Structures are given as structure tokens and as C-alpha cells.
Amino acid sequence: MKNAAAASKPIRVVLADDHDLVRSGIKALLSMIEGVEVIAEARDGAELIKLVESLVPDVVMTDISMPGMDGITAIAHIHASHPQVRLLVLSMYDTVDFVKRAVGSGACGYLMKDAPPFELEQAVRSVMATGSYFSPAIAQRLLQPSEPTVDDELTQRQVEILRLIAQGRASKEIAFELGLSPKTVDVHRARIMERLHLNDIASLTRYAMRKGLIKP
């Protein structure tokens, strides 16, 4: 026997994540919730924006770190164009910086990817009923002071170089990709370490992961 939620108009969800298996798993869990329907899927922010423009769903559930246009940029664009769409982040990142950036861009909910399945339903129903959903752990993050963003600490060129260093690229590879000399790359790396007060590649890699420049 169907309940009232299933009998009423379904909650239409657009799902965005660049990993096909992750997206399929989330879609399967959402499809088990009565009264919830996944109407489209996107692999990046640009594709997500196009889908929202054409479908105008009730809820967008998106990852943050995606190739091309990331989730936070897409959230800001969608929030400006369709303020009635509920924007729910589903992420592996729980740092103060990420949570506050997402909320500042227009997200009304934030859910960790390692959350129990029942919390997925709780989050979707809560953003529809009350306009927001934050687990106790995420709500606690919102009360903490913000960390400096990577753009506060590094120049755009240094961010590019840091991302490549964290991906395990050698100075010669980075130099070739960015059209620089290996010596210039080494100078940039030294300045990045000095600015961040870090002294080895492992520490730089951990910083890049924490700031979402690379995926764990």
C-alpha cells in the first residue's frame, strides 16, 4: 500500500557526480525512496546547469569536486537562476572551507558520502520540507572560523603548479605542460612551500587534497 508521499507529486531530483559507479549507487538508493524520482544525471557542473535549465527539478544533489566546472560554481549559477531549486551537496570533503563555500554559493544542505543510507532520505525530505539539511557534524563546521582559501594563500599560477605536483608530476613535466622552464617550476615550488609553511611533497599533497585541488 502506497503512502501519502508516494501518492503525491514526486520529488524530482537531478544528480551530479563525475564517477559513474558512485552516481549509479546514489541513484539506486534514491530510487528506493518512495515519492523520489531521479529524472537526470550529470558528470560535471556545466552539464548539470544545462539539465537544470531544461528540467527545473525540485532538488539538485551534486558532488563538489568534478572536472571542468566544479559543483560550487554550478551551485552559485543555479541558485542565481533558479532560487527555488533546493541545492544539496553530497561530498567526501567536510572541512570548514568546503562547507562554508558551498553554503555561501547557495547550497541549503550538505551530506557526507559516507553517511548511512537512511540519511539520504532524511536530507531530501528535510530540504523540501524545511529548506535545509545539515547533519550535526556538518552544522558544527559552520560554527567554526573559516580557514584561508587556496586563492588567499597562493597565486593562480602557484595553484596550477601545486595541483600538478600533488598529482605526482616531475618539474620537467610541469614545465612542459605550462610552458615554463624547469628552473621556474622549482622556484615556484619553493615559494609555495614557504607561503604554506610546508617542507615536503607529502605535506603539499595533503594540503591539495584538503583544499579539493585533487581527489583523495
N, C-alpha and C. Protein backbone atom coordinates (compact mmCIF):
# COMPACT_ATOMS: atom_id res chain seq x y z
N MET A 1 0.84 -1.20 0.00
CA MET A 1 0.00 0.00 0.00
C MET A 1 0.87 1.24 0.00
N LYS A 2 0.64 2.17 -0.95
CA LYS A 2 1.48 3.35 -1.06
C LYS A 2 1.07 4.38 -0.02
N ASN A 3 2.09 5.07 0.52
CA ASN A 3 1.77 6.10 1.49
C ASN A 3 1.49 7.43 0.81
N ALA A 4 1.24 8.48 1.62
CA ALA A 4 0.88 9.78 1.06
C ALA A 4 2.00 10.39 0.24
N ALA A 5 3.26 10.15 0.69
CA ALA A 5 4.40 10.72 -0.05
C ALA A 5 4.46 10.18 -1.46
N ALA A 6 4.19 8.88 -1.61
CA ALA A 6 4.25 8.27 -2.93
C ALA A 6 3.08 8.69 -3.79
N ALA A 7 1.90 8.92 -3.14
CA ALA A 7 0.69 9.26 -3.88
C ALA A 7 0.72 10.70 -4.38
N SER A 8 1.44 11.58 -3.64
CA SER A 8 1.52 12.98 -4.05
C SER A 8 2.55 13.14 -5.16
N LYS A 9 2.70 14.37 -5.62
CA LYS A 9 3.65 14.65 -6.70
C LYS A 9 5.06 14.24 -6.28
N PRO A 10 5.78 13.48 -7.11
CA PRO A 10 7.12 13.02 -6.71
C PRO A 10 8.13 14.18 -6.60
N ILE A 11 9.11 13.98 -5.74
CA ILE A 11 10.23 14.93 -5.63
C ILE A 11 11.21 14.61 -6.76
N ARG A 12 11.37 15.56 -7.67
CA ARG A 12 12.20 15.34 -8.87
C ARG A 12 13.64 15.76 -8.59
N VAL A 13 14.57 14.81 -8.76
CA VAL A 13 15.97 15.04 -8.40
C VAL A 13 16.87 14.95 -9.64
N VAL A 14 17.80 15.90 -9.76
CA VAL A 14 18.89 15.78 -10.73
C VAL A 14 20.16 15.52 -9.94
N LEU A 15 20.90 14.50 -10.35
CA LEU A 15 22.08 14.02 -9.63
C LEU A 15 23.34 14.30 -10.43
N ALA A 16 24.38 14.84 -9.77
CA ALA A 16 25.65 15.13 -10.46
C ALA A 16 26.83 14.56 -9.69
N ASP A 17 27.62 13.74 -10.38
CA ASP A 17 28.87 13.19 -9.84
C ASP A 17 29.67 12.67 -11.02
N ASP A 18 30.98 12.91 -11.03
CA ASP A 18 31.78 12.50 -12.19
C ASP A 18 32.15 11.03 -12.18
N HIS A 19 31.90 10.33 -11.07
CA HIS A 19 32.19 8.89 -11.03
C HIS A 19 30.90 8.10 -11.30
N ASP A 20 30.90 7.36 -12.40
CA ASP A 20 29.69 6.65 -12.83
C ASP A 20 29.19 5.65 -11.78
N LEU A 21 30.11 4.92 -11.15
CA LEU A 21 29.69 3.92 -10.16
C LEU A 21 29.09 4.58 -8.93
N VAL A 22 29.71 5.67 -8.48
CA VAL A 22 29.19 6.40 -7.32
C VAL A 22 27.79 6.94 -7.64
N ARG A 23 27.67 7.54 -8.81
CA ARG A 23 26.38 8.11 -9.22
C ARG A 23 25.30 7.04 -9.32
N SER A 24 25.66 5.89 -9.89
CA SER A 24 24.71 4.78 -10.01
C SER A 24 24.25 4.28 -8.65
N GLY A 25 25.19 4.21 -7.70
CA GLY A 25 24.86 3.76 -6.35
C GLY A 25 23.91 4.72 -5.65
N ILE A 26 24.19 6.03 -5.78
CA ILE A 26 23.32 7.04 -5.16
C ILE A 26 21.94 7.01 -5.82
N LYS A 27 21.94 6.88 -7.15
CA LYS A 27 20.66 6.82 -7.86
C LYS A 27 19.83 5.62 -7.38
N ALA A 28 20.48 4.49 -7.21
CA ALA A 28 19.77 3.29 -6.75
C ALA A 28 19.16 3.50 -5.37
N LEU A 29 19.91 4.15 -4.47
CA LEU A 29 19.40 4.43 -3.13
C LEU A 29 18.22 5.41 -3.18
N LEU A 30 18.36 6.46 -4.01
CA LEU A 30 17.28 7.44 -4.13
C LEU A 30 16.01 6.81 -4.73
N SER A 31 16.22 5.88 -5.67
CA SER A 31 15.08 5.23 -6.33
C SER A 31 14.30 4.33 -5.40
N MET A 32 14.92 3.94 -4.28
CA MET A 32 14.23 3.11 -3.29
C MET A 32 13.36 3.94 -2.34
N ILE A 33 13.53 5.27 -2.40
CA ILE A 33 12.75 6.14 -1.52
C ILE A 33 11.41 6.45 -2.17
N GLU A 34 10.33 6.15 -1.50
CA GLU A 34 9.01 6.42 -2.05
C GLU A 34 8.81 7.92 -2.27
N GLY A 35 8.28 8.25 -3.44
CA GLY A 35 7.99 9.65 -3.73
C GLY A 35 9.18 10.44 -4.22
N VAL A 36 10.31 9.77 -4.51
CA VAL A 36 11.51 10.44 -5.04
C VAL A 36 11.85 9.85 -6.39
N GLU A 37 12.11 10.70 -7.36
CA GLU A 37 12.41 10.25 -8.72
C GLU A 37 13.66 10.96 -9.26
N VAL A 38 14.68 10.20 -9.66
CA VAL A 38 15.87 10.77 -10.30
C VAL A 38 15.54 10.96 -11.78
N ILE A 39 15.44 12.21 -12.22
CA ILE A 39 15.00 12.49 -13.59
C ILE A 39 16.15 12.71 -14.56
N ALA A 40 17.38 12.95 -14.05
CA ALA A 40 18.53 13.15 -14.94
C ALA A 40 19.82 13.08 -14.14
N GLU A 41 20.92 12.82 -14.86
CA GLU A 41 22.23 12.70 -14.24
C GLU A 41 23.26 13.51 -15.02
N ALA A 42 24.23 14.10 -14.30
CA ALA A 42 25.29 14.89 -14.93
C ALA A 42 26.65 14.43 -14.42
N ARG A 43 27.68 14.62 -15.27
CA ARG A 43 29.04 14.24 -14.90
C ARG A 43 29.90 15.44 -14.49
N ASP A 44 29.41 16.67 -14.74
CA ASP A 44 30.16 17.87 -14.35
C ASP A 44 29.21 19.04 -14.20
N GLY A 45 29.76 20.17 -13.74
CA GLY A 45 28.95 21.33 -13.44
C GLY A 45 28.24 21.92 -14.65
N ALA A 46 28.94 21.97 -15.77
CA ALA A 46 28.35 22.56 -16.99
C ALA A 46 27.15 21.74 -17.46
N GLU A 47 27.30 20.42 -17.44
CA GLU A 47 26.20 19.54 -17.83
C GLU A 47 25.04 19.67 -16.84
N LEU A 48 25.36 19.82 -15.57
CA LEU A 48 24.33 19.98 -14.54
C LEU A 48 23.50 21.24 -14.79
N ILE A 49 24.17 22.34 -15.09
CA ILE A 49 23.47 23.61 -15.34
C ILE A 49 22.50 23.47 -16.52
N LYS A 50 22.94 22.83 -17.59
CA LYS A 50 22.08 22.63 -18.76
C LYS A 50 20.84 21.81 -18.40
N LEU A 51 21.03 20.75 -17.62
CA LEU A 51 19.90 19.90 -17.22
C LEU A 51 18.90 20.67 -16.35
N VAL A 52 19.42 21.47 -15.43
CA VAL A 52 18.54 22.25 -14.56
C VAL A 52 17.76 23.28 -15.37
N GLU A 53 18.43 23.91 -16.34
CA GLU A 53 17.75 24.90 -17.19
C GLU A 53 16.58 24.27 -17.94
N SER A 54 16.76 23.05 -18.41
CA SER A 54 15.70 22.42 -19.22
C SER A 54 14.64 21.71 -18.38
N LEU A 55 15.03 21.19 -17.19
CA LEU A 55 14.11 20.36 -16.41
C LEU A 55 13.54 21.04 -15.16
N VAL A 56 14.28 22.01 -14.62
CA VAL A 56 13.92 22.71 -13.37
C VAL A 56 13.42 21.70 -12.31
N PRO A 57 14.33 20.90 -11.76
CA PRO A 57 13.94 19.88 -10.77
C PRO A 57 13.60 20.52 -9.42
N ASP A 58 13.14 19.70 -8.50
CA ASP A 58 12.89 20.16 -7.13
C ASP A 58 14.21 20.21 -6.34
N VAL A 59 15.04 19.19 -6.55
CA VAL A 59 16.29 19.07 -5.80
C VAL A 59 17.45 18.76 -6.75
N VAL A 60 18.57 19.43 -6.53
CA VAL A 60 19.83 19.07 -7.19
C VAL A 60 20.73 18.48 -6.12
N MET A 61 21.25 17.30 -6.37
CA MET A 61 22.20 16.67 -5.45
C MET A 61 23.52 16.56 -6.20
N THR A 62 24.55 17.28 -5.73
CA THR A 62 25.79 17.35 -6.50
C THR A 62 27.04 17.15 -5.66
N ASP A 63 28.02 16.54 -6.28
CA ASP A 63 29.37 16.46 -5.73
C ASP A 63 29.99 17.85 -5.87
N ILE A 64 31.07 18.12 -5.16
CA ILE A 64 31.77 19.40 -5.29
C ILE A 64 32.90 19.29 -6.30
N SER A 65 33.77 18.30 -6.12
CA SER A 65 34.97 18.19 -6.95
C SER A 65 34.68 17.38 -8.21
N MET A 66 34.52 18.12 -9.34
CA MET A 66 34.26 17.48 -10.63
C MET A 66 35.13 18.16 -11.68
N PRO A 67 35.46 17.46 -12.77
CA PRO A 67 36.31 18.07 -13.80
C PRO A 67 35.59 19.22 -14.50
N GLY A 68 36.38 20.12 -15.09
CA GLY A 68 35.77 21.27 -15.76
C GLY A 68 35.17 22.19 -14.71
N MET A 69 33.89 22.48 -14.84
CA MET A 69 33.21 23.32 -13.85
C MET A 69 32.87 22.49 -12.61
N ASP A 70 33.32 22.97 -11.45
CA ASP A 70 33.08 22.20 -10.22
C ASP A 70 31.68 22.44 -9.67
N GLY A 71 31.34 21.69 -8.62
CA GLY A 71 30.00 21.75 -8.07
C GLY A 71 29.66 23.10 -7.44
N ILE A 72 30.62 23.75 -6.79
CA ILE A 72 30.34 25.03 -6.13
C ILE A 72 30.03 26.11 -7.14
N THR A 73 30.77 26.14 -8.25
CA THR A 73 30.49 27.11 -9.32
C THR A 73 29.10 26.87 -9.89
N ALA A 74 28.77 25.59 -10.11
CA ALA A 74 27.45 25.25 -10.65
C ALA A 74 26.35 25.63 -9.68
N ILE A 75 26.57 25.39 -8.38
CA ILE A 75 25.58 25.75 -7.36
C ILE A 75 25.28 27.25 -7.40
N ALA A 76 26.34 28.06 -7.47
CA ALA A 76 26.16 29.51 -7.50
C ALA A 76 25.34 29.94 -8.71
N HIS A 77 25.63 29.34 -9.86
CA HIS A 77 24.91 29.67 -11.11
C HIS A 77 23.43 29.27 -11.00
N ILE A 78 23.19 28.05 -10.52
CA ILE A 78 21.81 27.55 -10.41
C ILE A 78 21.02 28.36 -9.38
N HIS A 79 21.65 28.69 -8.26
CA HIS A 79 20.97 29.45 -7.21
C HIS A 79 20.55 30.83 -7.72
N ALA A 80 21.40 31.44 -8.53
CA ALA A 80 21.08 32.76 -9.09
C ALA A 80 19.94 32.68 -10.10
N SER A 81 19.93 31.61 -10.90
CA SER A 81 18.92 31.47 -11.96
C SER A 81 17.61 30.84 -11.48
N HIS A 82 17.72 29.90 -10.54
CA HIS A 82 16.54 29.16 -10.06
C HIS A 82 16.58 29.06 -8.53
N PRO A 83 16.32 30.16 -7.83
CA PRO A 83 16.44 30.15 -6.36
C PRO A 83 15.50 29.17 -5.66
N GLN A 84 14.46 28.72 -6.38
CA GLN A 84 13.51 27.78 -5.77
C GLN A 84 14.03 26.35 -5.75
N VAL A 85 15.05 26.04 -6.55
CA VAL A 85 15.61 24.68 -6.59
C VAL A 85 16.45 24.45 -5.34
N ARG A 86 16.18 23.35 -4.64
CA ARG A 86 16.94 23.00 -3.44
C ARG A 86 18.28 22.39 -3.86
N LEU A 87 19.37 22.93 -3.34
CA LEU A 87 20.71 22.50 -3.73
C LEU A 87 21.38 21.78 -2.57
N LEU A 88 21.59 20.48 -2.76
CA LEU A 88 22.12 19.62 -1.71
C LEU A 88 23.47 19.06 -2.14
N VAL A 89 24.50 19.33 -1.35
CA VAL A 89 25.84 18.84 -1.65
C VAL A 89 26.02 17.44 -1.07
N LEU A 90 26.60 16.55 -1.86
CA LEU A 90 26.95 15.21 -1.40
C LEU A 90 28.45 15.06 -1.66
N SER A 91 29.26 15.10 -0.60
CA SER A 91 30.71 15.23 -0.79
C SER A 91 31.50 14.34 0.15
N MET A 92 32.77 14.12 -0.19
CA MET A 92 33.69 13.42 0.70
C MET A 92 34.47 14.43 1.56
N TYR A 93 34.31 15.72 1.27
CA TYR A 93 35.03 16.76 1.99
C TYR A 93 34.16 17.36 3.09
N ASP A 94 34.69 17.43 4.32
CA ASP A 94 33.92 18.01 5.41
C ASP A 94 34.66 19.16 6.11
N THR A 95 35.64 19.77 5.41
CA THR A 95 36.38 20.87 6.03
C THR A 95 35.51 22.12 6.10
N VAL A 96 35.84 23.01 7.02
CA VAL A 96 35.11 24.26 7.19
C VAL A 96 35.04 25.02 5.88
N ASP A 97 36.18 25.07 5.19
CA ASP A 97 36.28 25.82 3.94
C ASP A 97 35.25 25.35 2.91
N PHE A 98 35.17 24.04 2.70
CA PHE A 98 34.24 23.49 1.71
C PHE A 98 32.78 23.73 2.10
N VAL A 99 32.45 23.46 3.34
CA VAL A 99 31.07 23.61 3.78
C VAL A 99 30.62 25.06 3.65
N LYS A 100 31.45 25.99 4.10
CA LYS A 100 31.07 27.40 4.06
C LYS A 100 31.02 27.93 2.62
N ARG A 101 31.93 27.47 1.78
CA ARG A 101 31.89 27.89 0.37
C ARG A 101 30.60 27.40 -0.30
N ALA A 102 30.24 26.15 -0.01
CA ALA A 102 29.02 25.59 -0.60
C ALA A 102 27.78 26.36 -0.15
N VAL A 103 27.68 26.62 1.15
CA VAL A 103 26.53 27.35 1.69
C VAL A 103 26.51 28.78 1.16
N GLY A 104 27.69 29.40 1.12
CA GLY A 104 27.78 30.77 0.60
C GLY A 104 27.38 30.87 -0.86
N SER A 105 27.52 29.79 -1.61
CA SER A 105 27.16 29.78 -3.03
C SER A 105 25.68 29.47 -3.25
N GLY A 106 24.99 29.02 -2.19
CA GLY A 106 23.56 28.76 -2.32
C GLY A 106 23.09 27.38 -1.92
N ALA A 107 24.00 26.50 -1.48
CA ALA A 107 23.59 25.17 -1.04
C ALA A 107 22.75 25.29 0.23
N CYS A 108 21.67 24.51 0.31
CA CYS A 108 20.83 24.54 1.51
C CYS A 108 20.98 23.25 2.32
N GLY A 109 21.86 22.37 1.86
CA GLY A 109 22.10 21.13 2.58
C GLY A 109 23.46 20.57 2.24
N TYR A 110 24.01 19.77 3.15
CA TYR A 110 25.35 19.20 2.95
C TYR A 110 25.38 17.83 3.61
N LEU A 111 25.71 16.83 2.81
CA LEU A 111 25.68 15.44 3.26
C LEU A 111 26.99 14.76 2.88
N MET A 112 27.56 14.01 3.82
CA MET A 112 28.80 13.29 3.53
C MET A 112 28.52 11.99 2.77
N LYS A 113 29.45 11.62 1.89
CA LYS A 113 29.26 10.40 1.09
C LYS A 113 29.33 9.13 1.94
N ASP A 114 29.91 9.22 3.14
CA ASP A 114 29.96 8.03 3.99
C ASP A 114 28.81 8.00 4.99
N ALA A 115 27.81 8.85 4.77
CA ALA A 115 26.63 8.86 5.64
C ALA A 115 25.83 7.57 5.45
N PRO A 116 25.10 7.11 6.47
CA PRO A 116 24.26 5.91 6.31
C PRO A 116 23.14 6.19 5.31
N PRO A 117 22.68 5.16 4.58
CA PRO A 117 21.65 5.36 3.55
C PRO A 117 20.39 6.08 4.03
N PHE A 118 19.96 5.82 5.28
CA PHE A 118 18.72 6.46 5.76
C PHE A 118 18.86 7.99 5.79
N GLU A 119 20.11 8.48 5.92
CA GLU A 119 20.32 9.93 5.99
C GLU A 119 20.07 10.60 4.64
N LEU A 120 20.22 9.82 3.57
CA LEU A 120 19.95 10.34 2.23
C LEU A 120 18.48 10.75 2.13
N GLU A 121 17.60 9.86 2.57
CA GLU A 121 16.16 10.17 2.56
C GLU A 121 15.85 11.34 3.50
N GLN A 122 16.47 11.32 4.65
CA GLN A 122 16.27 12.38 5.63
C GLN A 122 16.65 13.74 5.04
N ALA A 123 17.77 13.77 4.31
CA ALA A 123 18.27 15.02 3.73
C ALA A 123 17.32 15.54 2.64
N VAL A 124 16.89 14.66 1.74
CA VAL A 124 16.00 15.06 0.65
C VAL A 124 14.67 15.58 1.20
N ARG A 125 14.09 14.85 2.13
CA ARG A 125 12.80 15.25 2.68
C ARG A 125 12.93 16.55 3.50
N SER A 126 14.05 16.70 4.19
CA SER A 126 14.25 17.88 5.02
C SER A 126 14.41 19.15 4.17
N VAL A 127 15.20 19.08 3.08
CA VAL A 127 15.37 20.28 2.25
C VAL A 127 14.06 20.67 1.58
N MET A 128 13.21 19.70 1.29
CA MET A 128 11.91 20.01 0.70
C MET A 128 10.95 20.58 1.73
N ALA A 129 10.98 20.04 2.94
CA ALA A 129 10.02 20.45 3.97
C ALA A 129 10.43 21.72 4.70
N THR A 130 11.72 21.84 5.02
CA THR A 130 12.17 22.97 5.86
C THR A 130 13.12 23.91 5.13
N GLY A 131 13.62 23.50 3.96
CA GLY A 131 14.53 24.36 3.21
C GLY A 131 15.99 24.16 3.51
N SER A 132 16.31 23.23 4.44
CA SER A 132 17.73 22.98 4.73
C SER A 132 17.93 21.61 5.36
N TYR A 133 19.18 21.11 5.27
CA TYR A 133 19.57 19.89 5.98
C TYR A 133 21.08 19.90 6.21
N PHE A 134 21.46 19.84 7.47
CA PHE A 134 22.88 19.70 7.83
C PHE A 134 22.95 18.72 9.00
N SER A 135 23.78 17.69 8.83
CA SER A 135 23.96 16.74 9.92
C SER A 135 24.60 17.48 11.09
N PRO A 136 24.51 16.94 12.30
CA PRO A 136 25.14 17.62 13.46
C PRO A 136 26.62 17.92 13.24
N ALA A 137 27.35 16.98 12.62
CA ALA A 137 28.79 17.20 12.40
C ALA A 137 29.04 18.35 11.43
N ILE A 138 28.24 18.42 10.36
CA ILE A 138 28.40 19.49 9.38
C ILE A 138 27.95 20.83 9.97
N ALA A 139 26.86 20.82 10.74
CA ALA A 139 26.39 22.05 11.39
C ALA A 139 27.48 22.61 12.30
N GLN A 140 28.23 21.72 12.94
CA GLN A 140 29.33 22.14 13.82
C GLN A 140 30.41 22.85 13.01
N ARG A 141 30.65 22.36 11.79
CA ARG A 141 31.65 23.00 10.91
C ARG A 141 31.27 24.45 10.62
N LEU A 142 29.97 24.69 10.45
CA LEU A 142 29.50 26.04 10.10
C LEU A 142 29.74 27.04 11.24
N LEU A 143 29.90 26.52 12.45
CA LEU A 143 30.15 27.39 13.60
C LEU A 143 31.63 27.69 13.79
N GLN A 144 32.49 26.94 13.09
CA GLN A 144 33.93 27.12 13.24
C GLN A 144 34.42 28.27 12.35
N PRO A 145 35.51 28.94 12.74
CA PRO A 145 36.06 30.02 11.89
C PRO A 145 36.57 29.45 10.58
N SER A 146 36.43 30.22 9.52
CA SER A 146 36.86 29.77 8.19
C SER A 146 38.38 29.72 8.10
N GLU A 147 38.87 28.72 7.35
CA GLU A 147 40.29 28.66 7.01
C GLU A 147 40.53 29.57 5.81
N PRO A 148 41.76 30.04 5.61
CA PRO A 148 42.05 30.79 4.38
C PRO A 148 41.83 29.87 3.18
N THR A 149 41.29 30.39 2.09
CA THR A 149 41.12 29.59 0.88
C THR A 149 42.45 29.48 0.17
N VAL A 150 42.55 28.54 -0.75
CA VAL A 150 43.80 28.39 -1.51
C VAL A 150 44.10 29.65 -2.31
N ASP A 151 43.05 30.35 -2.76
CA ASP A 151 43.27 31.58 -3.53
C ASP A 151 43.76 32.72 -2.64
N ASP A 152 43.47 32.65 -1.35
CA ASP A 152 44.00 33.64 -0.41
C ASP A 152 45.49 33.44 -0.20
N GLU A 153 45.93 32.20 -0.29
CA GLU A 153 47.31 31.86 0.08
C GLU A 153 48.26 31.79 -1.10
N LEU A 154 47.75 31.48 -2.29
CA LEU A 154 48.61 31.26 -3.45
C LEU A 154 48.11 32.03 -4.67
N THR A 155 49.02 32.31 -5.60
CA THR A 155 48.61 32.91 -6.87
C THR A 155 48.00 31.82 -7.76
N GLN A 156 47.33 32.26 -8.82
CA GLN A 156 46.70 31.28 -9.73
C GLN A 156 47.74 30.34 -10.33
N ARG A 157 48.89 30.87 -10.71
CA ARG A 157 49.96 30.04 -11.28
C ARG A 157 50.46 29.04 -10.24
N GLN A 158 50.61 29.48 -9.00
CA GLN A 158 51.07 28.57 -7.95
C GLN A 158 50.05 27.46 -7.68
N VAL A 159 48.76 27.80 -7.77
CA VAL A 159 47.72 26.78 -7.60
C VAL A 159 47.83 25.73 -8.71
N GLU A 160 48.04 26.18 -9.95
CA GLU A 160 48.21 25.25 -11.08
C GLU A 160 49.39 24.31 -10.83
N ILE A 161 50.50 24.89 -10.40
CA ILE A 161 51.71 24.09 -10.17
C ILE A 161 51.52 23.14 -9.00
N LEU A 162 50.90 23.63 -7.93
CA LEU A 162 50.64 22.77 -6.77
C LEU A 162 49.77 21.58 -7.15
N ARG A 163 48.73 21.81 -7.95
CA ARG A 163 47.85 20.72 -8.37
C ARG A 163 48.65 19.64 -9.11
N LEU A 164 49.56 20.05 -9.99
CA LEU A 164 50.36 19.10 -10.76
C LEU A 164 51.39 18.39 -9.89
N ILE A 165 51.97 19.12 -8.95
CA ILE A 165 52.91 18.49 -8.01
C ILE A 165 52.19 17.40 -7.22
N ALA A 166 50.99 17.73 -6.74
CA ALA A 166 50.21 16.79 -5.93
C ALA A 166 49.76 15.57 -6.74
N GLN A 167 49.71 15.72 -8.07
CA GLN A 167 49.39 14.59 -8.95
C GLN A 167 50.61 13.72 -9.23
N GLY A 168 51.76 14.10 -8.66
CA GLY A 168 52.98 13.30 -8.82
C GLY A 168 53.82 13.66 -10.04
N ARG A 169 53.55 14.82 -10.65
CA ARG A 169 54.30 15.22 -11.83
C ARG A 169 55.68 15.75 -11.44
N ALA A 170 56.68 15.46 -12.26
CA ALA A 170 58.04 15.97 -12.07
C ALA A 170 58.13 17.40 -12.61
N SER A 171 59.17 18.12 -12.20
CA SER A 171 59.34 19.51 -12.62
C SER A 171 59.38 19.64 -14.14
N LYS A 172 60.06 18.72 -14.82
CA LYS A 172 60.15 18.79 -16.29
C LYS A 172 58.78 18.63 -16.94
N GLU A 173 57.96 17.72 -16.42
CA GLU A 173 56.61 17.51 -16.95
C GLU A 173 55.75 18.76 -16.75
N ILE A 174 55.83 19.32 -15.55
CA ILE A 174 55.05 20.52 -15.24
C ILE A 174 55.49 21.67 -16.13
N ALA A 175 56.81 21.82 -16.29
CA ALA A 175 57.35 22.89 -17.14
C ALA A 175 56.85 22.77 -18.57
N PHE A 176 56.85 21.54 -19.09
CA PHE A 176 56.39 21.32 -20.47
C PHE A 176 54.90 21.65 -20.59
N GLU A 177 54.10 21.21 -19.63
CA GLU A 177 52.64 21.43 -19.70
C GLU A 177 52.27 22.90 -19.60
N LEU A 178 53.01 23.65 -18.77
CA LEU A 178 52.66 25.05 -18.54
C LEU A 178 53.49 26.03 -19.35
N GLY A 179 54.42 25.52 -20.15
CA GLY A 179 55.24 26.40 -20.98
C GLY A 179 56.25 27.21 -20.17
N LEU A 180 56.80 26.58 -19.13
CA LEU A 180 57.79 27.23 -18.28
C LEU A 180 59.10 26.45 -18.34
N SER A 181 60.13 27.00 -17.74
CA SER A 181 61.38 26.25 -17.61
C SER A 181 61.33 25.44 -16.32
N PRO A 182 62.03 24.29 -16.27
CA PRO A 182 62.05 23.51 -15.03
C PRO A 182 62.55 24.32 -13.84
N LYS A 183 63.50 25.23 -14.11
CA LYS A 183 64.04 26.07 -13.02
C LYS A 183 62.94 26.97 -12.44
N THR A 184 62.09 27.53 -13.32
CA THR A 184 60.99 28.38 -12.87
C THR A 184 60.01 27.58 -12.02
N VAL A 185 59.73 26.35 -12.44
CA VAL A 185 58.83 25.48 -11.67
C VAL A 185 59.41 25.23 -10.28
N ASP A 186 60.73 24.98 -10.21
CA ASP A 186 61.38 24.74 -8.92
C ASP A 186 61.30 25.97 -8.01
N VAL A 187 61.44 27.15 -8.61
CA VAL A 187 61.32 28.40 -7.84
C VAL A 187 59.91 28.54 -7.28
N HIS A 188 58.91 28.28 -8.14
CA HIS A 188 57.52 28.34 -7.70
C HIS A 188 57.26 27.36 -6.56
N ARG A 189 57.79 26.15 -6.71
CA ARG A 189 57.57 25.13 -5.67
C ARG A 189 58.16 25.59 -4.33
N ALA A 190 59.35 26.18 -4.38
CA ALA A 190 59.98 26.68 -3.16
C ALA A 190 59.14 27.79 -2.51
N ARG A 191 58.59 28.65 -3.36
CA ARG A 191 57.77 29.75 -2.82
C ARG A 191 56.44 29.24 -2.26
N ILE A 192 55.87 28.21 -2.91
CA ILE A 192 54.64 27.60 -2.41
C ILE A 192 54.90 27.02 -1.01
N MET A 193 55.99 26.28 -0.88
CA MET A 193 56.33 25.68 0.42
C MET A 193 56.54 26.75 1.48
N GLU A 194 57.19 27.84 1.08
CA GLU A 194 57.46 28.93 2.01
C GLU A 194 56.15 29.58 2.46
N ARG A 195 55.24 29.84 1.51
CA ARG A 195 53.97 30.50 1.83
C ARG A 195 53.09 29.63 2.72
N LEU A 196 53.11 28.32 2.47
CA LEU A 196 52.24 27.41 3.22
C LEU A 196 52.90 26.85 4.48
N HIS A 197 54.19 27.18 4.67
CA HIS A 197 54.97 26.67 5.81
C HIS A 197 54.98 25.14 5.80
N LEU A 198 55.20 24.58 4.61
CA LEU A 198 55.31 23.13 4.44
C LEU A 198 56.68 22.83 3.85
N ASN A 199 57.22 21.65 4.16
CA ASN A 199 58.61 21.41 3.73
C ASN A 199 58.82 20.10 2.98
N ASP A 200 57.74 19.43 2.53
CA ASP A 200 57.93 18.23 1.71
C ASP A 200 56.73 18.02 0.80
N ILE A 201 56.91 17.15 -0.20
CA ILE A 201 55.87 16.90 -1.21
C ILE A 201 54.64 16.24 -0.59
N ALA A 202 54.86 15.37 0.38
CA ALA A 202 53.73 14.69 1.04
C ALA A 202 52.81 15.71 1.71
N SER A 203 53.40 16.71 2.37
CA SER A 203 52.60 17.75 3.03
C SER A 203 51.86 18.60 2.00
N LEU A 204 52.51 18.90 0.88
CA LEU A 204 51.85 19.65 -0.19
C LEU A 204 50.67 18.86 -0.74
N THR A 205 50.85 17.56 -0.90
CA THR A 205 49.78 16.70 -1.43
C THR A 205 48.59 16.67 -0.49
N ARG A 206 48.86 16.56 0.81
CA ARG A 206 47.77 16.56 1.80
C ARG A 206 47.02 17.89 1.78
N TYR A 207 47.76 18.99 1.64
CA TYR A 207 47.14 20.31 1.56
C TYR A 207 46.24 20.39 0.32
N ALA A 208 46.75 19.91 -0.81
CA ALA A 208 45.98 19.94 -2.07
C ALA A 208 44.70 19.12 -1.95
N MET A 209 44.76 17.98 -1.27
CA MET A 209 43.55 17.16 -1.04
C MET A 209 42.55 17.90 -0.17
N ARG A 210 43.06 18.51 0.92
CA ARG A 210 42.18 19.20 1.87
C ARG A 210 41.46 20.36 1.20
N LYS A 211 42.14 21.02 0.26
CA LYS A 211 41.55 22.16 -0.42
C LYS A 211 40.77 21.76 -1.67
N GLY A 212 40.75 20.44 -1.97
CA GLY A 212 39.96 19.97 -3.10
C GLY A 212 40.61 20.15 -4.46
N LEU A 213 41.94 20.39 -4.48
CA LEU A 213 42.64 20.55 -5.75
C LEU A 213 42.82 19.21 -6.45
N ILE A 214 42.91 18.16 -5.67
CA ILE A 214 42.94 16.80 -6.20
C ILE A 214 42.03 15.94 -5.33
N LYS A 215 41.58 14.82 -5.88
CA LYS A 215 40.74 13.92 -5.09
C LYS A 215 41.60 12.94 -4.31
N PRO A 216 41.17 12.56 -3.10
CA PRO A 216 41.91 11.56 -2.34
C PRO A 216 42.05 10.27 -3.11
